[in-house]
């Protein structure tokens, strides 16, 4: 009934196959599971491999496990199903051969913020390491960074709201998440507008400035449009991004919306402080933007 209701509203549902790392058992049921997905109109699966591999003694990066991951992706391709694997082996470019491998976790994603947190420079390292092998499902978009505001967990995410928005550009994935609670987004709907606007896949990408572990600024052109989006993320030291708009079309103007850290923003002391400004820009303009410690900046450029 849920599936029928979703399809009636134009919403697709992903199916979650949590194997609990019993991969041989999963393989026994894999073809039947994919056929069931075809029957009910599911075209995406999130596979999971939580826990120690069964049989014991094997591990997530062994040859047998690499063979298993590839087998799942190939079988899914036969069924026209895209795969988003969690706790899986780090991809090494095979999504070029099997583009239905739409994104893997395969690194410390946002969920680790609930297990004690990751340093702010973590997201300034991954684009130079993990993301070289293929898209990453990082599950970005955390606005309420202290879990104690809505749960008994006292962990907190080391990022500002503007920095969270930047991750939609710097952490490439054609399958993106809005990972916070709906009621948390309701408190910051003006900032949530960027998540509504930003594309998931791109015709072009420009890496404008970067220093591994310190900062990264990326511009991407939304697929099939003339619109660009920019994301800049920095570590705990802060950064001033100098964004040269040389990549824009000559003779065209763009409605520019900048989601930036406020002057007093800080990933620990004041993570929810941001300012939104609007202006018109063109090719050749330069934007100089302050990023707070653990923060960042997100920009939408909508062609007129």
Protein backbone atom coordinates (compact mmCIF):
# COMPACT_ATOMS: atom_id res chain seq x y z
CA UNK A 1 0.00 0.00 0.00
CA UNK A 2 2.85 2.38 0.82
CA UNK A 3 4.50 1.63 -2.51
CA UNK A 4 1.26 2.26 -4.43
CA UNK A 5 0.71 5.52 -2.55
CA UNK A 6 4.25 6.71 -3.27
CA UNK A 7 3.98 5.96 -6.97
CA UNK A 8 0.62 7.73 -7.11
CA UNK A 9 2.42 10.84 -5.80
CA UNK A 10 5.35 10.49 -8.19
CA UNK A 11 7.67 9.38 -5.40
CA UNK A 12 10.09 6.47 -5.75
CA UNK A 13 11.09 4.30 -2.80
CA UNK A 14 14.51 2.72 -2.35
CA UNK A 15 14.68 -0.80 -0.98
CA UNK A 16 17.22 -1.51 1.78
CA UNK A 17 18.96 -4.89 1.70
CA UNK A 18 20.81 -5.16 5.01
CA UNK A 19 22.90 -8.31 4.73
CA UNK A 20 24.47 -8.05 8.22
CA UNK A 21 27.58 -9.09 6.27
CA UNK A 22 26.24 -12.58 5.48
CA UNK A 23 27.07 -12.17 1.81
CA UNK A 24 26.71 -15.82 0.80
CA UNK A 25 23.16 -15.82 2.14
CA UNK A 26 22.46 -12.57 0.26
CA UNK A 27 23.75 -14.02 -2.99
CA UNK A 28 21.40 -17.00 -2.63
CA UNK A 29 18.42 -14.63 -2.61
CA UNK A 30 19.79 -11.86 -4.81
CA UNK A 31 18.09 -12.64 -8.13
CA UNK A 32 14.71 -13.24 -6.48
CA UNK A 33 15.07 -9.99 -4.53
CA UNK A 34 15.86 -7.99 -7.67
CA UNK A 35 12.97 -9.63 -9.52
CA UNK A 36 10.64 -8.63 -6.67
CA UNK A 37 11.93 -5.08 -6.96
CA UNK A 38 11.19 -5.09 -10.68
CA UNK A 39 7.68 -6.37 -9.97
CA UNK A 40 6.89 -3.47 -7.64
CA UNK A 41 8.72 -0.71 -9.50
CA UNK A 42 11.74 -0.26 -7.26
CA UNK A 43 14.72 0.86 -9.34
CA UNK A 44 17.22 1.57 -6.54
CA UNK A 45 18.66 -0.51 -3.72
CA UNK A 46 20.73 0.44 -0.70
CA UNK A 47 22.83 -2.56 0.30
CA UNK A 48 24.39 -2.78 3.74
CA UNK A 49 27.22 -4.83 5.27
CA UNK A 50 27.13 -3.98 8.97
CA UNK A 51 29.25 -6.13 11.27
CA UNK A 52 32.01 -8.69 10.86
CA UNK A 53 31.91 -10.63 7.63
CA UNK A 54 30.33 -14.07 7.64
CA UNK A 55 32.08 -16.52 7.35
CA UNK A 56 34.31 -15.29 10.16
CA UNK A 57 37.89 -14.58 9.19
CA UNK A 58 36.88 -12.79 6.00
CA UNK A 59 36.83 -8.98 5.97
CA UNK A 60 35.29 -6.10 4.04
CA UNK A 61 38.25 -5.57 1.69
CA UNK A 62 39.12 -9.18 0.92
CA UNK A 63 39.20 -10.59 -2.61
CA UNK A 64 36.00 -12.54 -2.01
CA UNK A 65 34.22 -9.42 -0.81
CA UNK A 66 35.43 -7.36 -3.76
CA UNK A 67 34.12 -10.12 -6.02
CA UNK A 68 30.81 -10.02 -4.15
CA UNK A 69 30.39 -6.23 -4.51
CA UNK A 70 31.05 -6.46 -8.24
CA UNK A 71 28.65 -9.40 -8.59
CA UNK A 72 25.85 -7.41 -6.92
CA UNK A 73 26.43 -4.39 -9.17
CA UNK A 74 26.46 -6.54 -12.34
CA UNK A 75 23.31 -8.42 -11.36
CA UNK A 76 21.59 -5.14 -10.48
CA UNK A 77 22.49 -3.78 -13.92
CA UNK A 78 20.71 -6.73 -15.55
CA UNK A 79 17.59 -5.74 -13.61
CA UNK A 80 18.00 -2.00 -14.35
CA UNK A 81 18.53 -1.26 -10.66
CA UNK A 82 20.98 1.29 -9.28
CA UNK A 83 23.09 0.45 -6.23
CA UNK A 84 23.98 2.64 -3.26
CA UNK A 85 26.18 0.44 -1.07
CA UNK A 86 27.03 1.15 2.56
CA UNK A 87 29.86 -0.44 4.54
CA UNK A 88 31.11 -1.57 1.13
CA UNK A 89 34.58 -1.66 -0.35
CA UNK A 90 35.95 1.63 -1.63
CA UNK A 91 35.17 1.92 -5.36
CA UNK A 92 38.09 2.31 -7.74
CA UNK A 93 36.42 3.73 -10.83
CA UNK A 94 34.16 0.79 -11.70
CA UNK A 95 31.18 3.16 -11.88
CA UNK A 96 32.58 4.15 -15.29
CA UNK A 97 31.90 0.59 -16.44
CA UNK A 98 28.77 0.10 -14.34
CA UNK A 99 27.10 3.52 -13.99
CA UNK A 100 24.28 1.92 -12.02
CA UNK A 101 26.75 2.00 -9.10
CA UNK A 102 25.39 5.42 -8.26
CA UNK A 103 27.26 5.92 -5.00
CA UNK A 104 28.94 4.09 -2.14
CA UNK A 105 29.49 5.13 1.44
CA UNK A 106 32.88 3.43 1.97
CA UNK A 107 34.28 6.06 4.35
CA UNK A 108 33.31 7.87 7.53
CA UNK A 109 30.05 9.49 6.49
CA UNK A 110 27.84 11.91 8.38
CA UNK A 111 26.50 9.17 10.65
CA UNK A 112 29.88 9.13 12.40
CA UNK A 113 29.05 12.57 13.78
CA UNK A 114 26.69 10.68 16.12
CA UNK A 115 29.50 8.38 17.26
CA UNK A 116 31.78 11.08 18.61
CA UNK A 117 32.18 13.31 15.59
CA UNK A 118 34.72 13.84 12.81
CA UNK A 119 37.20 16.72 12.70
CA UNK A 120 36.17 19.65 10.44
CA UNK A 121 39.06 18.88 8.08
CA UNK A 122 37.61 15.41 7.36
CA UNK A 123 35.45 16.73 4.51
CA UNK A 124 38.45 18.65 3.15
CA UNK A 125 40.43 15.40 2.87
CA UNK A 126 37.89 13.03 1.31
CA UNK A 127 37.69 14.85 -2.09
CA UNK A 128 41.39 14.06 -2.55
CA UNK A 129 41.22 10.45 -1.31
CA UNK A 130 37.98 8.45 -1.19
CA UNK A 131 36.17 10.51 -3.84
CA UNK A 132 38.86 9.85 -6.45
CA UNK A 133 37.41 6.35 -6.87
CA UNK A 134 33.80 7.35 -7.45
CA UNK A 135 30.77 9.10 -5.94
CA UNK A 136 30.28 9.01 -2.17
CA UNK A 137 27.01 8.84 -0.26
CA UNK A 138 28.07 11.12 2.58
CA UNK A 139 24.48 11.95 3.65
CA UNK A 140 25.00 15.72 3.97
CA UNK A 141 22.71 18.50 5.14
CA UNK A 142 22.83 18.58 8.95
CA UNK A 143 21.38 21.85 10.28
CA UNK A 144 20.86 21.06 13.98
CA UNK A 145 24.35 19.90 14.82
CA UNK A 146 23.95 19.04 18.52
CA UNK A 147 22.05 15.80 18.86
CA UNK A 148 21.19 16.69 22.45
CA UNK A 149 18.66 19.19 21.08
CA UNK A 150 16.39 16.33 20.09
CA UNK A 151 17.80 13.12 21.61
CA UNK A 152 19.73 11.73 24.56
CA UNK A 153 22.92 11.60 22.48
CA UNK A 154 25.41 14.32 23.41
CA UNK A 155 27.48 14.04 20.20
CA UNK A 156 27.65 16.91 17.77
CA UNK A 157 28.60 17.58 14.15
CA UNK A 158 31.64 19.80 13.61
CA UNK A 159 30.15 22.00 10.91
CA UNK A 160 28.09 25.15 10.34
CA UNK A 161 24.86 25.32 8.35
CA UNK A 162 26.65 27.05 5.46
CA UNK A 163 29.31 24.34 5.57
CA UNK A 164 26.59 21.68 5.44
CA UNK A 165 25.18 23.26 2.28
CA UNK A 166 28.62 23.33 0.67
CA UNK A 167 28.89 19.53 0.95
CA UNK A 168 26.29 19.12 -1.81
CA UNK A 169 28.97 20.37 -4.19
CA UNK A 170 32.23 19.20 -2.66
CA UNK A 171 31.06 15.62 -1.89
CA UNK A 172 29.95 14.49 -5.33
CA UNK A 173 27.10 12.02 -5.58
CA UNK A 174 24.27 11.82 -8.14
CA UNK A 175 22.12 10.44 -5.31
CA UNK A 176 21.93 13.03 -2.54
CA UNK A 177 20.30 13.05 0.86
CA UNK A 178 18.67 15.60 3.13
CA UNK A 179 19.92 13.85 6.26
CA UNK A 180 18.39 15.97 9.05
CA UNK A 181 14.91 15.79 10.55
CA UNK A 182 12.09 17.56 8.67
CA UNK A 183 11.25 19.61 11.77
CA UNK A 184 14.85 20.80 11.93
CA UNK A 185 14.72 22.01 8.33
CA UNK A 186 11.44 23.77 9.11
CA UNK A 187 13.39 26.08 11.43
CA UNK A 188 15.68 27.23 8.61
CA UNK A 189 13.57 27.16 5.46
CA UNK A 190 15.49 30.03 3.85
CA UNK A 191 18.70 27.98 4.07
CA UNK A 192 16.85 24.80 3.06
CA UNK A 193 16.00 26.54 -0.22
CA UNK A 194 19.53 25.76 -1.43
CA UNK A 195 18.94 22.03 -0.94
CA UNK A 196 15.72 22.37 -2.93
CA UNK A 197 17.51 24.20 -5.74
CA UNK A 198 20.83 22.39 -6.01
CA UNK A 199 21.18 19.75 -8.73
CA UNK A 200 22.33 16.16 -8.21
CA UNK A 201 24.28 15.66 -11.41
CA UNK A 202 26.34 17.87 -13.63
CA UNK A 203 27.49 18.70 -17.15
CA UNK A 204 30.72 20.33 -15.98
CA UNK A 205 32.82 20.78 -12.85
CA UNK A 206 35.49 23.35 -12.03
CA UNK A 207 37.76 23.02 -9.01
CA UNK A 208 38.49 26.66 -8.27
CA UNK A 209 40.84 26.41 -5.28
CA UNK A 210 41.96 23.70 -2.92
CA UNK A 211 44.51 22.67 -0.34
CA UNK A 212 44.10 19.08 0.88
CA UNK A 213 42.90 19.03 4.47
CA UNK A 214 42.42 22.81 4.61
CA UNK A 215 39.81 23.95 2.07
CA UNK A 216 38.19 23.18 -1.27
CA UNK A 217 35.94 25.25 -3.57
CA UNK A 218 34.04 23.63 -6.44
CA UNK A 219 31.74 25.03 -9.15
CA UNK A 220 29.41 22.68 -11.04
CA UNK A 221 27.03 23.26 -13.94
CA UNK A 222 23.64 21.62 -13.46
CA UNK A 223 22.96 18.98 -16.10
CA UNK A 224 20.87 20.20 -19.00
CA UNK A 225 20.79 23.82 -17.81
CA UNK A 226 22.87 27.00 -17.85
CA UNK A 227 22.82 27.23 -14.05
CA UNK A 228 25.88 26.87 -11.84
CA UNK A 229 26.28 26.05 -8.17
CA UNK A 230 29.35 26.62 -6.02
CA UNK A 231 30.36 25.05 -2.72
CA UNK A 232 33.32 25.90 -0.53
CA UNK A 233 34.25 24.00 2.63
CA UNK A 234 37.10 24.62 5.08
CA UNK A 235 38.71 23.10 8.17
CA UNK A 236 38.72 24.32 11.77
CA UNK A 237 40.98 27.28 10.91
CA UNK A 238 38.51 29.06 8.61
CA UNK A 239 39.25 30.36 5.13
CA UNK A 240 38.66 33.28 2.80
CA UNK A 241 37.51 31.95 -0.58
CA UNK A 242 38.33 33.97 -3.68
CA UNK A 243 35.93 32.83 -6.38
CA UNK A 244 36.63 34.06 -9.91
CA UNK A 245 33.57 33.65 -12.11
CA UNK A 246 35.60 33.20 -15.30
CA UNK A 247 33.71 30.00 -16.17
CA UNK A 248 30.33 31.74 -16.72
CA UNK A 249 28.94 32.37 -20.21
CA UNK A 250 30.12 35.59 -21.77
CA UNK A 251 27.43 38.25 -22.10
CA UNK A 252 25.01 36.53 -19.73
CA UNK A 253 23.89 37.68 -16.28
CA UNK A 254 23.09 35.42 -13.35
CA UNK A 255 20.91 35.77 -10.26
CA UNK A 256 23.40 34.98 -7.50
CA UNK A 257 22.28 33.79 -4.05
CA UNK A 258 25.05 33.39 -1.46
CA UNK A 259 24.56 31.28 1.66
CA UNK A 260 27.48 32.27 3.88
CA UNK A 261 28.64 31.99 7.47
CA UNK A 262 27.72 34.99 9.60
CA UNK A 263 30.52 37.09 11.07
CA UNK A 264 30.18 35.31 14.42
CA UNK A 265 29.65 31.79 13.04
CA UNK A 266 31.77 28.96 14.43
CA UNK A 267 31.34 25.20 14.12
CA UNK A 268 31.38 24.77 17.92
CA UNK A 269 30.20 28.06 19.39
CA UNK A 270 27.64 29.29 16.83
CA UNK A 271 27.00 26.78 14.02
CA UNK A 272 23.56 28.06 13.01
CA UNK A 273 24.65 31.63 12.22
CA UNK A 274 24.38 32.35 8.50
CA UNK A 275 23.51 35.17 6.15
CA UNK A 276 21.87 35.01 2.73
CA UNK A 277 22.58 37.72 0.18
CA UNK A 278 21.43 38.20 -3.39
CA UNK A 279 23.07 40.05 -6.26
CA UNK A 280 23.51 39.92 -10.04
CA UNK A 281 26.84 38.68 -11.40
CA UNK A 282 28.50 38.06 -14.75
CA UNK A 283 31.58 36.43 -16.23
CA UNK A 284 34.76 38.06 -14.90
CA UNK A 285 33.34 39.05 -11.52
CA UNK A 286 35.15 37.94 -8.36
CA UNK A 287 33.53 36.97 -5.05
CA UNK A 288 35.56 37.19 -1.83
CA UNK A 289 33.83 35.15 0.85
CA UNK A 290 34.73 34.45 4.46
CA UNK A 291 34.28 30.89 5.72
CA UNK A 292 34.10 30.44 9.48
CA UNK A 293 36.05 27.76 11.34
CA UNK A 294 34.45 24.48 10.33
CA UNK A 295 32.19 26.36 7.93
CA UNK A 296 31.84 27.11 4.26
CA UNK A 297 29.77 28.81 1.61
CA UNK A 298 27.16 27.74 -0.94
CA UNK A 299 26.15 29.74 -4.00
CA UNK A 300 23.46 29.34 -6.64
CA UNK A 301 23.92 31.08 -10.01
CA UNK A 302 20.70 31.01 -12.01
CA UNK A 303 21.07 32.16 -15.62
CA UNK A 304 18.78 34.98 -16.71
